[in-house]
N, C-alpha and C. Protein backbone atom coordinates (compact mmCIF):
# COMPACT_ATOMS: atom_id res chain seq x y z
N MET A 1 -78.93 -63.24 -72.47
CA MET A 1 -77.67 -62.97 -71.81
C MET A 1 -77.24 -64.22 -71.05
N SER A 2 -76.05 -64.65 -71.26
CA SER A 2 -75.55 -65.85 -70.61
C SER A 2 -74.88 -65.50 -69.29
N VAL A 3 -75.11 -66.31 -68.29
CA VAL A 3 -74.47 -66.12 -66.99
C VAL A 3 -73.28 -67.08 -66.95
N SER A 4 -72.08 -66.53 -66.88
CA SER A 4 -70.89 -67.35 -66.97
C SER A 4 -70.67 -68.23 -65.74
N ASN A 5 -71.18 -67.80 -64.61
CA ASN A 5 -71.01 -68.58 -63.38
C ASN A 5 -72.35 -69.06 -62.85
N MET A 6 -73.10 -69.71 -63.72
CA MET A 6 -74.46 -70.15 -63.41
C MET A 6 -74.51 -71.04 -62.16
N GLN A 7 -73.57 -71.95 -62.03
CA GLN A 7 -73.60 -72.86 -60.87
C GLN A 7 -73.50 -72.08 -59.57
N ARG A 8 -72.61 -71.10 -59.53
CA ARG A 8 -72.45 -70.31 -58.30
C ARG A 8 -73.71 -69.50 -58.02
N TRP A 9 -74.31 -68.93 -59.06
CA TRP A 9 -75.54 -68.17 -58.85
C TRP A 9 -76.67 -69.05 -58.33
N THR A 10 -76.77 -70.28 -58.82
CA THR A 10 -77.83 -71.16 -58.31
C THR A 10 -77.56 -71.51 -56.85
N GLU A 11 -76.28 -71.67 -56.49
CA GLU A 11 -75.95 -71.92 -55.08
C GLU A 11 -76.34 -70.71 -54.22
N ILE A 12 -76.06 -69.52 -54.70
CA ILE A 12 -76.42 -68.30 -53.96
C ILE A 12 -77.93 -68.22 -53.79
N CYS A 13 -78.66 -68.54 -54.82
CA CYS A 13 -80.13 -68.52 -54.74
C CYS A 13 -80.62 -69.52 -53.70
N ASP A 14 -80.03 -70.71 -53.67
CA ASP A 14 -80.41 -71.72 -52.67
C ASP A 14 -80.09 -71.25 -51.26
N ILE A 15 -78.94 -70.61 -51.08
CA ILE A 15 -78.57 -70.08 -49.77
C ILE A 15 -79.55 -69.01 -49.33
N GLN A 16 -79.88 -68.11 -50.24
CA GLN A 16 -80.83 -67.04 -49.91
C GLN A 16 -82.20 -67.63 -49.55
N HIS A 17 -82.62 -68.63 -50.29
CA HIS A 17 -83.90 -69.28 -50.01
C HIS A 17 -83.89 -69.83 -48.59
N GLU A 18 -82.83 -70.53 -48.23
CA GLU A 18 -82.72 -71.13 -46.90
C GLU A 18 -82.71 -70.06 -45.80
N ILE A 19 -81.94 -69.01 -46.00
CA ILE A 19 -81.87 -67.93 -45.01
C ILE A 19 -83.23 -67.27 -44.82
N LEU A 20 -83.89 -66.95 -45.92
CA LEU A 20 -85.18 -66.26 -45.82
C LEU A 20 -86.26 -67.15 -45.21
N THR A 21 -86.19 -68.44 -45.50
CA THR A 21 -87.15 -69.37 -44.90
C THR A 21 -86.96 -69.42 -43.38
N LYS A 22 -85.72 -69.49 -42.95
CA LYS A 22 -85.44 -69.50 -41.51
C LYS A 22 -85.87 -68.17 -40.87
N MET A 23 -85.64 -67.08 -41.56
CA MET A 23 -86.04 -65.78 -41.02
C MET A 23 -87.55 -65.67 -40.88
N SER A 24 -88.28 -66.23 -41.83
CA SER A 24 -89.74 -66.14 -41.76
C SER A 24 -90.28 -66.95 -40.58
N ARG A 25 -89.58 -68.02 -40.20
CA ARG A 25 -89.98 -68.76 -39.00
C ARG A 25 -89.62 -67.99 -37.73
N ARG A 26 -88.48 -67.32 -37.78
CA ARG A 26 -88.00 -66.57 -36.61
C ARG A 26 -88.78 -65.28 -36.40
N PHE A 27 -89.21 -64.67 -37.51
CA PHE A 27 -89.94 -63.39 -37.46
C PHE A 27 -91.28 -63.54 -38.17
N PRO A 28 -92.24 -64.19 -37.52
CA PRO A 28 -93.53 -64.45 -38.18
C PRO A 28 -94.26 -63.17 -38.61
N GLN A 29 -93.99 -62.07 -37.94
CA GLN A 29 -94.64 -60.82 -38.31
C GLN A 29 -94.15 -60.32 -39.68
N ARG A 30 -93.06 -60.84 -40.17
CA ARG A 30 -92.50 -60.46 -41.48
C ARG A 30 -92.64 -61.58 -42.52
N LYS A 31 -93.42 -62.59 -42.19
CA LYS A 31 -93.52 -63.76 -43.06
C LYS A 31 -93.95 -63.40 -44.48
N LYS A 32 -94.92 -62.53 -44.62
CA LYS A 32 -95.41 -62.16 -45.96
C LYS A 32 -94.30 -61.54 -46.81
N GLN A 33 -93.56 -60.60 -46.23
CA GLN A 33 -92.49 -59.94 -46.97
C GLN A 33 -91.36 -60.91 -47.28
N LEU A 34 -91.00 -61.74 -46.31
CA LEU A 34 -89.91 -62.69 -46.51
C LEU A 34 -90.29 -63.77 -47.51
N THR A 35 -91.54 -64.18 -47.51
CA THR A 35 -92.01 -65.15 -48.49
C THR A 35 -91.92 -64.56 -49.89
N SER A 36 -92.25 -63.30 -50.02
CA SER A 36 -92.15 -62.62 -51.31
C SER A 36 -90.70 -62.59 -51.79
N LEU A 37 -89.79 -62.26 -50.90
CA LEU A 37 -88.37 -62.24 -51.25
C LEU A 37 -87.88 -63.64 -51.64
N THR A 38 -88.34 -64.64 -50.91
CA THR A 38 -87.97 -66.02 -51.22
C THR A 38 -88.43 -66.38 -52.63
N SER A 39 -89.64 -65.99 -52.97
CA SER A 39 -90.17 -66.26 -54.31
C SER A 39 -89.35 -65.55 -55.38
N ASP A 40 -88.91 -64.33 -55.08
CA ASP A 40 -88.07 -63.60 -56.03
C ASP A 40 -86.76 -64.33 -56.29
N TRP A 41 -86.13 -64.84 -55.23
CA TRP A 41 -84.88 -65.59 -55.39
C TRP A 41 -85.12 -66.89 -56.16
N ASP A 42 -86.24 -67.55 -55.89
CA ASP A 42 -86.57 -68.78 -56.61
C ASP A 42 -86.79 -68.49 -58.10
N ARG A 43 -87.47 -67.39 -58.39
CA ARG A 43 -87.73 -66.99 -59.77
C ARG A 43 -86.40 -66.66 -60.48
N PHE A 44 -85.52 -65.95 -59.77
CA PHE A 44 -84.22 -65.62 -60.35
C PHE A 44 -83.41 -66.89 -60.64
N LYS A 45 -83.45 -67.83 -59.71
CA LYS A 45 -82.74 -69.10 -59.93
C LYS A 45 -83.26 -69.79 -61.18
N HIS A 46 -84.55 -69.82 -61.34
CA HIS A 46 -85.13 -70.43 -62.54
C HIS A 46 -84.66 -69.71 -63.80
N GLN A 47 -84.60 -68.37 -63.74
CA GLN A 47 -84.13 -67.61 -64.90
C GLN A 47 -82.67 -67.93 -65.21
N VAL A 48 -81.85 -68.05 -64.18
CA VAL A 48 -80.43 -68.38 -64.38
C VAL A 48 -80.31 -69.76 -65.01
N GLU A 49 -81.04 -70.72 -64.47
CA GLU A 49 -80.95 -72.10 -64.96
C GLU A 49 -81.46 -72.23 -66.40
N SER A 50 -82.41 -71.40 -66.77
CA SER A 50 -82.95 -71.47 -68.13
C SER A 50 -82.30 -70.46 -69.07
N ASP A 51 -81.24 -69.79 -68.57
CA ASP A 51 -80.52 -68.79 -69.37
C ASP A 51 -81.47 -67.72 -69.91
N ASN A 52 -82.34 -67.26 -69.02
CA ASN A 52 -83.36 -66.29 -69.40
C ASN A 52 -83.26 -65.06 -68.48
N ILE A 53 -82.07 -64.48 -68.42
CA ILE A 53 -81.83 -63.32 -67.56
C ILE A 53 -82.18 -62.07 -68.34
N PRO A 54 -83.04 -61.20 -67.77
CA PRO A 54 -83.36 -59.95 -68.47
C PRO A 54 -82.12 -59.08 -68.62
N ASN A 55 -82.08 -58.35 -69.70
CA ASN A 55 -80.99 -57.42 -69.94
C ASN A 55 -81.12 -56.25 -68.97
N CYS A 56 -80.09 -56.00 -68.19
CA CYS A 56 -80.14 -54.96 -67.17
C CYS A 56 -80.37 -53.58 -67.76
N SER A 57 -79.88 -53.33 -68.95
CA SER A 57 -80.04 -52.01 -69.55
C SER A 57 -81.50 -51.74 -69.92
N SER A 58 -82.28 -52.79 -70.12
CA SER A 58 -83.69 -52.58 -70.48
C SER A 58 -84.63 -52.77 -69.30
N ALA A 59 -84.10 -53.24 -68.18
CA ALA A 59 -84.94 -53.45 -66.99
C ALA A 59 -85.24 -52.12 -66.32
N LYS A 60 -86.47 -51.97 -65.90
CA LYS A 60 -86.86 -50.77 -65.17
C LYS A 60 -86.83 -51.10 -63.69
N LEU A 61 -85.94 -50.43 -62.99
CA LEU A 61 -85.80 -50.67 -61.57
C LEU A 61 -86.59 -49.62 -60.81
N SER A 62 -87.30 -50.07 -59.80
CA SER A 62 -88.07 -49.12 -59.01
C SER A 62 -87.16 -48.48 -57.97
N GLU A 63 -87.51 -47.27 -57.61
CA GLU A 63 -86.76 -46.57 -56.59
C GLU A 63 -87.09 -47.16 -55.23
N PRO A 64 -86.09 -47.32 -54.36
CA PRO A 64 -86.38 -47.84 -53.03
C PRO A 64 -87.24 -46.86 -52.24
N ASN A 65 -88.15 -47.42 -51.44
CA ASN A 65 -89.02 -46.59 -50.62
C ASN A 65 -88.52 -46.67 -49.17
N TYR A 66 -87.81 -45.63 -48.78
CA TYR A 66 -87.25 -45.61 -47.42
C TYR A 66 -88.19 -45.00 -46.40
N HIS A 67 -89.31 -44.50 -46.87
CA HIS A 67 -90.28 -43.87 -45.97
C HIS A 67 -91.41 -44.85 -45.70
N HIS A 68 -91.38 -45.49 -44.56
CA HIS A 68 -92.39 -46.53 -44.24
C HIS A 68 -93.55 -45.93 -43.55
């Protein structure tokens, strides 16, 4: 699947990376979770850049867990 606005998506990924990195410094108690999210955005950026985006119709999305 081709991403028509790849440049913008890579910019968004970079912005998210920067925000999450700053948040992990500000909230050290959440560093593990924020680092995981940062890695997810980095992985997505790599997928966008390599035109390797999974097809959403075949992706299995997990249900959000609102009960902590």
